Amino acid sequence: MDTALDTDKARMSLEDTNRAVVSPSAPPNMEFQALHQAHRDRWKNTDVSMCRHSLSFHLHHSLRMEFFASFLYLLEQIPLVKLFAVTCEKIKGEKYFYYKAQQFYEDVEPSEEGMMGDFVEISHIDLEGSRNFLSRFIGPGKADTKCALDCGCGIGRVSKGVLLPIFETMEMCDMIEAFLLHAHEEYLGDDADRIETYYCYNLQELTPPSRKYDVVWMQWCACHLTDRDLMQFLMRCKKSLRPNGVIIIKDNMARKGCKLDPIDSSIIRHLDIMKDIIFKAGLKVLAVEKQEGFPDAIVPVWMIAMQ
């Protein structure tokens, strides 16, 4: 009888919850908060009236913990972005995806040839396109030139050819220590003295300092992050910008959907998918431009500025 009575009370409480949830005057997300609070109150009251040594209590407790573990995750981990379905089909295991990329780059020679693969001859075209695109966001009323962060910098090809001629100081980040050592000891020459910090980090683990950079440059590294990790990294980068600062992604973009490169463990996304991730990170796209002058054999490369 007591169990039946408890069930009736629970049903009545849930009906009250449903009436609160569908209230047309409730602001956005309040319906979820009301449901969450009502569930918490209902289970708390039920605990008092149930025998804590009964099988029904232990079953009830187990179900409650499992339910709220998923329920709270959905409601309180906001913003929440799952991998796009087409991306999920490509990335079978997140840890293996990152492991393979690390293994690939550990065998890459720390040189311009290593950074550009079979396309070192187009490096000057790439750098010129980057300089022209960046110039649109630097100047009075725009981003300052105090400090920039080069993400996935390799040996510093972009730092040397695009960023150091403009910014007073810089910071560089790459997951391969040999690349950073070569940049500091040889490749950057005297300009290495203007590098404040070298971060030997994976981007999914890096939290840049707050309000530090006028420009965060990400070239050919967004493709090495899952959708969720890319979104979260962009959110952290947003906090690292100084007033009028911008984030710039320059990367390969798929002509359709997503495509996995199993050799270097990278995934290229269609431009619309990339824009969706940027939007979910709370950023606004300022400009989009395709890199011109590359051979047709290369997948399209696009530049995206955001803040």
C-alpha atoms as a PDB file:
ATOM      1  CA  MET A   1       0.000   0.000   0.000  1.00  0.00           C
ATOM      2  CA  ASP A   2       2.802   2.423   0.919  1.00  0.00           C
ATOM      3  CA  THR A   3       4.574   1.704  -2.351  1.00  0.00           C
ATOM      4  CA  ALA A   4       1.397   2.339  -4.344  1.00  0.00           C
ATOM      5  CA  LEU A   5       0.828   5.563  -2.421  1.00  0.00           C
ATOM      6  CA  ASP A   6       4.369   6.721  -3.145  1.00  0.00           C
ATOM      7  CA  THR A   7       3.846   5.930  -6.818  1.00  0.00           C
ATOM      8  CA  ASP A   8       0.664   8.038  -6.894  1.00  0.00           C
ATOM      9  CA  LYS A   9       2.485  10.922  -5.221  1.00  0.00           C
ATOM     10  CA  ALA A  10       5.329  10.673  -7.689  1.00  0.00           C
ATOM     11  CA  ARG A  11       2.875  10.649 -10.613  1.00  0.00           C
ATOM     12  CA  MET A  12       1.105  13.716  -9.249  1.00  0.00           C
ATOM     13  CA  SER A  13       4.424  15.509  -8.744  1.00  0.00           C
ATOM     14  CA  LEU A  14       5.490  14.733 -12.291  1.00  0.00           C
ATOM     15  CA  GLU A  15       2.150  16.041 -13.631  1.00  0.00           C
ATOM     16  CA  ASP A  16       2.748  19.269 -11.696  1.00  0.00           C
ATOM     17  CA  THR A  17       6.219  19.424 -13.236  1.00  0.00           C
ATOM     18  CA  ASN A  18       4.864  19.017 -16.740  1.00  0.00           C
ATOM     19  CA  ARG A  19       2.412  21.870 -16.189  1.00  0.00           C
ATOM     20  CA  ALA A  20       5.290  24.096 -15.048  1.00  0.00           C
ATOM     21  CA  VAL A  21       7.463  23.152 -18.014  1.00  0.00           C
ATOM     22  CA  VAL A  22       4.953  24.062 -20.705  1.00  0.00           C
ATOM     23  CA  SER A  23       4.156  27.463 -19.238  1.00  0.00           C
ATOM     24  CA  PRO A  24       4.270  29.842 -22.239  1.00  0.00           C
ATOM     25  CA  SER A  25       5.587  32.671 -20.096  1.00  0.00           C
ATOM     26  CA  ALA A  26       8.700  30.785 -19.003  1.00  0.00           C
ATOM     27  CA  PRO A  27      11.933  32.285 -20.402  1.00  0.00           C
ATOM     28  CA  PRO A  28      14.343  30.115 -22.493  1.00  0.00           C
ATOM     29  CA  ASN A  29      15.936  27.209 -20.569  1.00  0.00           C
ATOM     30  CA  MET A  30      13.706  27.852 -17.526  1.00  0.00           C
ATOM     31  CA  GLU A  31      11.614  24.845 -18.481  1.00  0.00           C
ATOM     32  CA  PHE A  32      14.627  22.589 -18.132  1.00  0.00           C
ATOM     33  CA  GLN A  33      15.605  24.175 -14.821  1.00  0.00           C
ATOM     34  CA  ALA A  34      12.066  23.717 -13.502  1.00  0.00           C
ATOM     35  CA  LEU A  35      12.044  20.074 -14.535  1.00  0.00           C
ATOM     36  CA  HIS A  36      15.436  19.537 -12.954  1.00  0.00           C
ATOM     37  CA  GLN A  37      14.390  21.151  -9.634  1.00  0.00           C
ATOM     38  CA  ALA A  38      11.088  19.287  -9.535  1.00  0.00           C
ATOM     39  CA  HIS A  39      12.814  15.962 -10.053  1.00  0.00           C
ATOM     40  CA  ARG A  40      15.331  16.751  -7.321  1.00  0.00           C
ATOM     41  CA  ASP A  41      12.587  17.725  -4.862  1.00  0.00           C
ATOM     42  CA  ARG A  42      10.480  14.679  -5.676  1.00  0.00           C
ATOM     43  CA  TRP A  43      13.311  12.185  -5.217  1.00  0.00           C
ATOM     44  CA  LYS A  44      14.488  13.879  -2.032  1.00  0.00           C
ATOM     45  CA  ASN A  45      11.028  13.630  -0.439  1.00  0.00           C
ATOM     46  CA  THR A  46      10.653  10.037  -1.514  1.00  0.00           C
ATOM     47  CA  ASP A  47      13.948   9.065   0.139  1.00  0.00           C
ATOM     48  CA  VAL A  48      12.574  10.034   3.558  1.00  0.00           C
ATOM     49  CA  SER A  49       9.470   7.912   3.251  1.00  0.00           C
ATOM     50  CA  MET A  50      11.136   4.772   1.873  1.00  0.00           C
ATOM     51  CA  CYS A  51      12.767   2.042   3.903  1.00  0.00           C
ATOM     52  CA  ARG A  52      16.487   2.480   3.303  1.00  0.00           C
ATOM     53  CA  HIS A  53      17.098  -1.234   3.790  1.00  0.00           C
ATOM     54  CA  SER A  54      14.529  -2.422   1.295  1.00  0.00           C
ATOM     55  CA  LEU A  55      15.342  -3.790  -2.148  1.00  0.00           C
ATOM     56  CA  SER A  56      13.047  -1.196  -3.681  1.00  0.00           C
ATOM     57  CA  PHE A  57      15.105   1.620  -2.163  1.00  0.00           C
ATOM     58  CA  HIS A  58      18.397   0.307  -3.489  1.00  0.00           C
ATOM     59  CA  LEU A  59      16.906  -0.212  -6.920  1.00  0.00           C
ATOM     60  CA  HIS A  60      15.367   3.240  -6.762  1.00  0.00           C
ATOM     61  CA  HIS A  61      18.675   4.795  -5.655  1.00  0.00           C
ATOM     62  CA  SER A  62      20.627   3.124  -8.438  1.00  0.00           C
ATOM     63  CA  LEU A  63      18.160   4.231 -11.105  1.00  0.00           C
ATOM     64  CA  ARG A  64      18.119   7.743  -9.721  1.00  0.00           C
ATOM     65  CA  MET A  65      21.912   8.067  -9.851  1.00  0.00           C
ATOM     66  CA  GLU A  66      22.081   6.733 -13.409  1.00  0.00           C
ATOM     67  CA  PHE A  67      19.257   9.005 -14.533  1.00  0.00           C
ATOM     68  CA  PHE A  68      20.675  12.181 -13.065  1.00  0.00           C
ATOM     69  CA  ALA A  69      24.183  11.441 -14.259  1.00  0.00           C
ATOM     70  CA  SER A  70      22.943  11.775 -17.833  1.00  0.00           C
ATOM     71  CA  PHE A  71      20.236  14.336 -17.046  1.00  0.00           C
ATOM     72  CA  LEU A  72      22.637  16.810 -15.440  1.00  0.00           C
ATOM     73  CA  TYR A  73      25.151  16.336 -18.227  1.00  0.00           C
ATOM     74  CA  LEU A  74      22.591  17.322 -20.828  1.00  0.00           C
ATOM     75  CA  LEU A  75      21.318  20.317 -18.886  1.00  0.00           C
ATOM     76  CA  GLU A  76      24.358  21.760 -17.166  1.00  0.00           C
ATOM     77  CA  GLN A  77      27.236  21.137 -19.595  1.00  0.00           C
ATOM     78  CA  ILE A  78      26.385  24.099 -21.807  1.00  0.00           C
ATOM     79  CA  PRO A  79      27.246  24.817 -24.541  1.00  0.00           C
ATOM     80  CA  LEU A  80      27.226  21.178 -25.589  1.00  0.00           C
ATOM     81  CA  VAL A  81      28.284  20.101 -29.076  1.00  0.00           C
ATOM     82  CA  LYS A  82      28.493  16.508 -30.184  1.00  0.00           C
ATOM     83  CA  LEU A  83      30.602  15.455 -33.131  1.00  0.00           C
ATOM     84  CA  PHE A  84      28.668  15.968 -36.331  1.00  0.00           C
ATOM     85  CA  ALA A  85      27.285  12.672 -37.559  1.00  0.00           C
ATOM     86  CA  VAL A  86      29.458  12.710 -40.641  1.00  0.00           C
ATOM     87  CA  THR A  87      32.518  13.429 -38.482  1.00  0.00           C
ATOM     88  CA  CYS A  88      31.639  10.626 -36.068  1.00  0.00           C
ATOM     89  CA  GLU A  89      31.647   8.219 -38.959  1.00  0.00           C
ATOM     90  CA  LYS A  90      35.219   9.219 -39.748  1.00  0.00           C
ATOM     91  CA  ILE A  91      36.741   9.465 -36.250  1.00  0.00           C
ATOM     92  CA  LYS A  92      36.331   6.020 -34.735  1.00  0.00           C
ATOM     93  CA  GLY A  93      38.232   6.700 -31.517  1.00  0.00           C
ATOM     94  CA  GLU A  94      39.233  10.098 -30.152  1.00  0.00           C
ATOM     95  CA  LYS A  95      42.360   8.930 -28.322  1.00  0.00           C
ATOM     96  CA  TYR A  96      43.577   6.966 -31.339  1.00  0.00           C
ATOM     97  CA  PHE A  97      42.843   9.957 -33.578  1.00  0.00           C
ATOM     98  CA  TYR A  98      45.173  12.144 -31.498  1.00  0.00           C
ATOM     99  CA  TYR A  99      47.766   9.412 -30.978  1.00  0.00           C
ATOM    100  CA  LYS A 100      48.188   8.836 -34.722  1.00  0.00           C
ATOM    101  CA  ALA A 101      48.703  12.554 -35.379  1.00  0.00           C
ATOM    102  CA  GLN A 102      51.363  12.734 -32.660  1.00  0.00           C
ATOM    103  CA  GLN A 103      53.159   9.714 -34.111  1.00  0.00           C
ATOM    104  CA  PHE A 104      53.033  11.157 -37.623  1.00  0.00           C
ATOM    105  CA  TYR A 105      54.573  14.514 -36.728  1.00  0.00           C
ATOM    106  CA  GLU A 106      57.286  13.005 -34.549  1.00  0.00           C
ATOM    107  CA  ASP A 107      58.725  11.574 -37.773  1.00  0.00           C
ATOM    108  CA  VAL A 108      58.482  14.857 -39.725  1.00  0.00           C
ATOM    109  CA  GLU A 109      61.726  16.707 -40.396  1.00  0.00           C
ATOM    110  CA  PRO A 110      61.918  20.144 -38.703  1.00  0.00           C
ATOM    111  CA  SER A 111      62.296  22.135 -41.920  1.00  0.00           C
ATOM    112  CA  GLU A 112      60.153  24.063 -44.396  1.00  0.00           C
ATOM    113  CA  GLU A 113      60.040  20.943 -46.550  1.00  0.00           C
ATOM    114  CA  GLY A 114      58.751  18.983 -43.573  1.00  0.00           C
ATOM    115  CA  MET A 115      56.111  21.599 -42.794  1.00  0.00           C
ATOM    116  CA  MET A 116      54.845  21.854 -46.382  1.00  0.00           C
ATOM    117  CA  GLY A 117      55.187  18.231 -47.447  1.00  0.00           C
ATOM    118  CA  ASP A 118      55.269  17.948 -51.232  1.00  0.00           C
ATOM    119  CA  PHE A 119      54.190  21.565 -51.724  1.00  0.00           C
ATOM    120  CA  VAL A 120      57.101  23.634 -50.413  1.00  0.00           C
ATOM    121  CA  GLU A 121      57.125  25.566 -53.700  1.00  0.00           C
ATOM    122  CA  ILE A 122      53.802  27.243 -52.801  1.00  0.00           C
ATOM    123  CA  SER A 123      54.960  28.426 -49.369  1.00  0.00           C
ATOM    124  CA  HIS A 124      55.536  31.999 -50.617  1.00  0.00           C
ATOM    125  CA  ILE A 125      52.033  32.082 -52.158  1.00  0.00           C
ATOM    126  CA  ASP A 126      50.557  30.892 -48.875  1.00  0.00           C
ATOM    127  CA  LEU A 127      52.433  33.486 -46.827  1.00  0.00           C
ATOM    128  CA  GLU A 128      51.481  36.317 -49.171  1.00  0.00           C
ATOM    129  CA  GLY A 129      47.813  35.359 -48.993  1.00  0.00           C
ATOM    130  CA  SER A 130      47.993  35.242 -45.198  1.00  0.00           C
ATOM    131  CA  ARG A 131      49.650  38.670 -44.972  1.00  0.00           C
ATOM    132  CA  ASN A 132      47.006  40.248 -47.192  1.00  0.00           C
ATOM    133  CA  PHE A 133      44.131  38.694 -45.243  1.00  0.00           C
ATOM    134  CA  LEU A 134      45.597  39.659 -41.860  1.00  0.00           C
ATOM    135  CA  SER A 135      46.112  43.278 -42.955  1.00  0.00           C
ATOM    136  CA  ARG A 136      42.322  43.701 -43.120  1.00  0.00           C
ATOM    137  CA  PHE A 137      42.054  43.398 -39.327  1.00  0.00           C
ATOM    138  CA  ILE A 138      45.100  45.390 -38.160  1.00  0.00           C
ATOM    139  CA  GLY A 139      45.170  49.140 -37.637  1.00  0.00           C
ATOM    140  CA  PRO A 140      43.299  52.039 -36.012  1.00  0.00           C
ATOM    141  CA  GLY A 141      40.007  50.876 -34.564  1.00  0.00           C
ATOM    142  CA  LYS A 142      41.008  47.281 -35.259  1.00  0.00           C
ATOM    143  CA  ALA A 143      43.440  44.825 -33.662  1.00  0.00           C
ATOM    144  CA  ASP A 144      46.640  46.201 -32.134  1.00  0.00           C
ATOM    145  CA  THR A 145      50.117  44.809 -32.848  1.00  0.00           C
ATOM    146  CA  LYS A 146      51.379  44.055 -29.332  1.00  0.00           C
ATOM    147  CA  CYS A 147      51.308  40.256 -29.242  1.00  0.00           C
ATOM    148  CA  ALA A 148      50.141  37.284 -31.300  1.00  0.00           C
ATOM    149  CA  LEU A 149      49.837  33.546 -30.681  1.00  0.00           C
ATOM    150  CA  ASP A 150      50.776  31.056 -33.422  1.00  0.00           C
ATOM    151  CA  CYS A 151      48.935  27.763 -32.813  1.00  0.00           C
ATOM    152  CA  GLY A 152      50.282  24.581 -34.358  1.00  0.00           C
ATOM    153  CA  CYS A 153      53.290  26.685 -35.328  1.00  0.00           C
ATOM    154  CA  GLY A 154      55.674  23.904 -36.347  1.00  0.00           C
ATOM    155  CA  ILE A 155      59.128  25.451 -36.852  1.00  0.00           C
ATOM    156  CA  GLY A 156      57.594  28.942 -37.117  1.00  0.00           C
ATOM    157  CA  ARG A 157      57.121  29.305 -40.861  1.00  0.00           C
ATOM    158  CA  VAL A 158      54.025  31.514 -40.437  1.00  0.00           C
ATOM    159  CA  SER A 159      55.507  33.293 -37.427  1.00  0.00           C
ATOM    160  CA  LYS A 160      58.571  34.257 -39.432  1.00  0.00           C
ATOM    161  CA  GLY A 161      56.830  35.119 -42.687  1.00  0.00           C
ATOM    162  CA  VAL A 162      53.568  36.703 -41.479  1.00  0.00           C
ATOM    163  CA  LEU A 163      53.370  37.521 -37.775  1.00  0.00           C
ATOM    164  CA  LEU A 164      56.835  38.628 -36.587  1.00  0.00           C
ATOM    165  CA  PRO A 165      57.078  41.427 -39.188  1.00  0.00           C
ATOM    166  CA  ILE A 166      53.908  42.927 -37.655  1.00  0.00           C
ATOM    167  CA  PHE A 167      53.786  42.136 -33.927  1.00  0.00           C
ATOM    168  CA  GLU A 168      56.131  43.377 -31.215  1.00  0.00           C
ATOM    169  CA  THR A 169      56.165  40.042 -29.385  1.00  0.00           C
ATOM    170  CA  MET A 170      54.817  36.551 -29.967  1.00  0.00           C
ATOM    171  CA  GLU A 171      54.069  33.232 -28.365  1.00  0.00           C
ATOM    172  CA  MET A 172      54.177  29.903 -30.186  1.00  0.00           C
ATOM    173  CA  CYS A 173      52.523  26.553 -29.528  1.00  0.00           C
ATOM    174  CA  ASP A 174      53.138  23.119 -30.993  1.00  0.00           C
ATOM    175  CA  MET A 175      52.897  19.566 -29.676  1.00  0.00           C
ATOM    176  CA  ILE A 176      56.297  18.563 -31.114  1.00  0.00           C
ATOM    177  CA  GLU A 177      59.226  19.745 -28.994  1.00  0.00           C
ATOM    178  CA  ALA A 178      61.762  19.272 -31.819  1.00  0.00           C
ATOM    179  CA  PHE A 179      59.885  21.839 -33.931  1.00  0.00           C
ATOM    180  CA  LEU A 180      59.979  24.459 -31.174  1.00  0.00           C
ATOM    181  CA  LEU A 181      63.673  23.851 -30.479  1.00  0.00           C
ATOM    182  CA  HIS A 182      64.531  24.238 -34.147  1.00  0.00           C
ATOM    183  CA  ALA A 183      62.486  27.438 -34.323  1.00  0.00           C
ATOM    184  CA  HIS A 184      64.277  28.976 -31.341  1.00  0.00           C
ATOM    185  CA  GLU A 185      67.811  27.779 -32.031  1.00  0.00           C
ATOM    186  CA  GLU A 186      67.979  28.131 -35.815  1.00  0.00           C
ATOM    187  CA  TYR A 187      64.974  28.998 -37.958  1.00  0.00           C
ATOM    188  CA  LEU A 188      63.839  32.304 -36.421  1.00  0.00           C
ATOM    189  CA  GLY A 189      67.337  33.730 -36.037  1.00  0.00           C
ATOM    190  CA  ASP A 190      67.494  36.974 -34.053  1.00  0.00           C
ATOM    191  CA  ASP A 191      63.693  37.223 -34.057  1.00  0.00           C
ATOM    192  CA  ALA A 192      63.649  34.370 -31.548  1.00  0.00           C
ATOM    193  CA  ASP A 193      64.401  36.974 -28.887  1.00  0.00           C
ATOM    194  CA  ARG A 194      60.890  38.370 -29.408  1.00  0.00           C
ATOM    195  CA  ILE A 195      59.197  35.052 -28.637  1.00  0.00           C
ATOM    196  CA  GLU A 196      57.971  35.376 -25.063  1.00  0.00           C
ATOM    197  CA  THR A 197      56.836  31.781 -24.571  1.00  0.00           C
ATOM    198  CA  TYR A 198      56.993  28.438 -26.348  1.00  0.00           C
ATOM    199  CA  TYR A 199      54.133  26.124 -25.384  1.00  0.00           C
ATOM    200  CA  CYS A 200      54.765  22.444 -26.041  1.00  0.00           C
ATOM    201  CA  TYR A 201      51.089  21.480 -25.819  1.00  0.00           C
ATOM    202  CA  ASN A 202      48.333  19.791 -27.744  1.00  0.00           C
ATOM    203  CA  LEU A 203      45.724  22.444 -28.504  1.00  0.00           C
ATOM    204  CA  GLN A 204      42.978  20.410 -26.849  1.00  0.00           C
ATOM    205  CA  GLU A 205      44.958  20.799 -23.601  1.00  0.00           C
ATOM    206  CA  LEU A 206      46.097  24.417 -23.985  1.00  0.00           C
ATOM    207  CA  THR A 207      44.454  27.249 -22.062  1.00  0.00           C
ATOM    208  CA  PRO A 208      45.923  30.545 -23.320  1.00  0.00           C
ATOM    209  CA  PRO A 209      46.328  33.417 -20.836  1.00  0.00           C
ATOM    210  CA  SER A 210      43.415  35.833 -20.600  1.00  0.00           C
ATOM    211  CA  ARG A 211      43.359  39.106 -22.574  1.00  0.00           C
ATOM    212  CA  LYS A 212      46.854  38.564 -23.930  1.00  0.00           C
ATOM    213  CA  TYR A 213      46.708  38.493 -27.739  1.00  0.00           C
ATOM    214  CA  ASP A 214      45.719  40.792 -30.548  1.00  0.00           C
ATOM    215  CA  VAL A 215      45.680  37.879 -32.992  1.00  0.00           C
ATOM    216  CA  VAL A 216      45.432  34.120 -32.489  1.00  0.00           C
ATOM    217  CA  TRP A 217      46.539  32.385 -35.692  1.00  0.00           C
ATOM    218  CA  MET A 218      45.556  28.759 -36.341  1.00  0.00           C
ATOM    219  CA  GLN A 219      46.885  27.315 -39.591  1.00  0.00           C
ATOM    220  CA  TRP A 220      46.509  23.667 -40.571  1.00  0.00           C
ATOM    221  CA  CYS A 221      45.803  22.627 -36.985  1.00  0.00           C
ATOM    222  CA  ALA A 222      42.000  22.905 -36.587  1.00  0.00           C
ATOM    223  CA  CYS A 223      41.861  19.769 -38.718  1.00  0.00           C
ATOM    224  CA  HIS A 224      43.636  17.885 -35.924  1.00  0.00           C
ATOM    225  CA  LEU A 225      40.883  18.592 -33.369  1.00  0.00           C
ATOM    226  CA  THR A 226      37.517  16.930 -32.943  1.00  0.00           C
ATOM    227  CA  ASP A 227      34.482  19.198 -33.251  1.00  0.00           C
ATOM    228  CA  ARG A 228      34.026  19.365 -29.491  1.00  0.00           C
ATOM    229  CA  ASP A 229      37.690  20.103 -28.763  1.00  0.00           C
ATOM    230  CA  LEU A 230      37.850  22.697 -31.529  1.00  0.00           C
ATOM    231  CA  MET A 231      34.766  24.443 -30.173  1.00  0.00           C
ATOM    232  CA  GLN A 232      36.140  24.445 -26.629  1.00  0.00           C
ATOM    233  CA  PHE A 233      39.550  25.674 -27.750  1.00  0.00           C
ATOM    234  CA  LEU A 234      37.957  28.540 -29.660  1.00  0.00           C
ATOM    235  CA  MET A 235      36.012  29.461 -26.540  1.00  0.00           C
ATOM    236  CA  ARG A 236      39.276  29.627 -24.581  1.00  0.00           C
ATOM    237  CA  CYS A 237      40.939  31.637 -27.343  1.00  0.00           C
ATOM    238  CA  LYS A 238      38.085  34.132 -27.260  1.00  0.00           C
ATOM    239  CA  LYS A 239      38.906  34.855 -23.619  1.00  0.00           C
ATOM    240  CA  SER A 240      42.571  35.358 -24.537  1.00  0.00           C
ATOM    241  CA  LEU A 241      41.888  38.236 -26.949  1.00  0.00           C
ATOM    242  CA  ARG A 242      42.651  41.847 -26.203  1.00  0.00           C
ATOM    243  CA  PRO A 243      40.140  44.539 -27.285  1.00  0.00           C
ATOM    244  CA  ASN A 244      39.429  44.260 -31.037  1.00  0.00           C
ATOM    245  CA  GLY A 245      41.509  41.097 -31.191  1.00  0.00           C
ATOM    246  CA  VAL A 246      40.739  38.433 -33.788  1.00  0.00           C
ATOM    247  CA  ILE A 247      41.131  34.691 -34.237  1.00  0.00           C
ATOM    248  CA  ILE A 248      42.089  33.508 -37.702  1.00  0.00           C
ATOM    249  CA  ILE A 249      41.760  29.926 -38.917  1.00  0.00           C
ATOM    250  CA  LYS A 250      43.446  28.950 -42.161  1.00  0.00           C
ATOM    251  CA  ASP A 251      42.854  25.348 -43.108  1.00  0.00           C
ATOM    252  CA  ASN A 252      41.894  22.816 -45.717  1.00  0.00           C
ATOM    253  CA  MET A 253      38.136  22.670 -46.278  1.00  0.00           C
ATOM    254  CA  ALA A 254      36.305  19.686 -47.718  1.00  0.00           C
ATOM    255  CA  ARG A 255      34.261  20.202 -50.866  1.00  0.00           C
ATOM    256  CA  LYS A 256      31.509  18.141 -49.245  1.00  0.00           C
ATOM    257  CA  GLY A 257      30.916  16.840 -45.715  1.00  0.00           C
ATOM    258  CA  CYS A 258      34.056  15.684 -43.924  1.00  0.00           C
ATOM    259  CA  LYS A 259      37.055  13.678 -45.029  1.00  0.00           C
ATOM    260  CA  LEU A 260      39.601  11.871 -42.871  1.00  0.00           C
ATOM    261  CA  ASP A 261      43.258  11.657 -43.867  1.00  0.00           C
ATOM    262  CA  PRO A 262      44.455   8.434 -42.216  1.00  0.00           C
ATOM    263  CA  ILE A 263      48.118   9.266 -42.839  1.00  0.00           C
ATOM    264  CA  ASP A 264      48.457  12.367 -40.634  1.00  0.00           C
ATOM    265  CA  SER A 265      45.179  11.723 -38.756  1.00  0.00           C
ATOM    266  CA  SER A 266      43.464  14.964 -39.731  1.00  0.00           C
ATOM    267  CA  ILE A 267      39.872  15.628 -40.675  1.00  0.00           C
ATOM    268  CA  ILE A 268      38.829  18.357 -43.080  1.00  0.00           C
ATOM    269  CA  ARG A 269      35.354  19.832 -42.830  1.00  0.00           C
ATOM    270  CA  HIS A 270      33.125  21.644 -45.248  1.00  0.00           C
ATOM    271  CA  LEU A 271      33.190  25.396 -44.709  1.00  0.00           C
ATOM    272  CA  ASP A 272      29.596  25.407 -43.444  1.00  0.00           C
ATOM    273  CA  ILE A 273      30.446  22.847 -40.749  1.00  0.00           C
ATOM    274  CA  MET A 274      33.414  24.947 -39.641  1.00  0.00           C
ATOM    275  CA  LYS A 275      31.185  28.034 -39.448  1.00  0.00           C
ATOM    276  CA  ASP A 276      28.688  26.110 -37.320  1.00  0.00           C
ATOM    277  CA  ILE A 277      31.403  25.156 -34.818  1.00  0.00           C
ATOM    278  CA  ILE A 278      32.579  28.769 -34.702  1.00  0.00           C
ATOM    279  CA  PHE A 279      29.008  29.939 -34.033  1.00  0.00           C
ATOM    280  CA  LYS A 280      28.546  27.409 -31.237  1.00  0.00           C
ATOM    281  CA  ALA A 281      31.781  28.666 -29.664  1.00  0.00           C
ATOM    282  CA  GLY A 282      30.138  32.073 -29.281  1.00  0.00           C
ATOM    283  CA  LEU A 283      32.170  33.779 -31.993  1.00  0.00           C
ATOM    284  CA  LYS A 284      31.106  35.912 -34.952  1.00  0.00           C
ATOM    285  CA  VAL A 285      32.622  35.410 -38.387  1.00  0.00           C
ATOM    286  CA  LEU A 286      34.079  38.679 -39.671  1.00  0.00           C
ATOM    287  CA  ALA A 287      35.335  37.559 -43.066  1.00  0.00           C
ATOM    288  CA  VAL A 288      35.937  34.457 -45.163  1.00  0.00           C
ATOM    289  CA  GLU A 289      38.380  34.263 -48.049  1.00  0.00           C
ATOM    290  CA  LYS A 290      39.679  31.455 -50.231  1.00  0.00           C
ATOM    291  CA  GLN A 291      43.427  31.144 -50.733  1.00  0.00           C
ATOM    292  CA  GLU A 292      44.134  31.650 -54.411  1.00  0.00           C
ATOM    293  CA  GLY A 293      47.085  30.460 -56.471  1.00  0.00           C
ATOM    294  CA  PHE A 294      47.281  26.883 -55.190  1.00  0.00           C
ATOM    295  CA  PRO A 295      47.389  23.926 -57.612  1.00  0.00           C
ATOM    296  CA  ASP A 296      44.050  22.287 -58.395  1.00  0.00           C
ATOM    297  CA  ALA A 297      45.364  19.049 -56.876  1.00  0.00           C
ATOM    298  CA  ILE A 298      45.243  20.657 -53.414  1.00  0.00           C
ATOM    299  CA  VAL A 299      41.960  20.699 -51.528  1.00  0.00           C
ATOM    300  CA  PRO A 300      40.530  24.205 -51.104  1.00  0.00           C
ATOM    301  CA  VAL A 301      42.175  26.297 -48.371  1.00  0.00           C
ATOM    302  CA  TRP A 302      40.065  28.970 -46.704  1.00  0.00           C
ATOM    303  CA  MET A 303      40.803  31.741 -44.212  1.00  0.00           C
ATOM    304  CA  ILE A 304      38.211  32.665 -41.587  1.00  0.00           C
ATOM    305  CA  ALA A 305      38.488  35.699 -39.265  1.00  0.00           C
ATOM    306  CA  MET A 306      36.329  35.803 -36.133  1.00  0.00           C
ATOM    307  CA  GLN A 307      35.939  37.509 -32.786  1.00  0.00           C
END
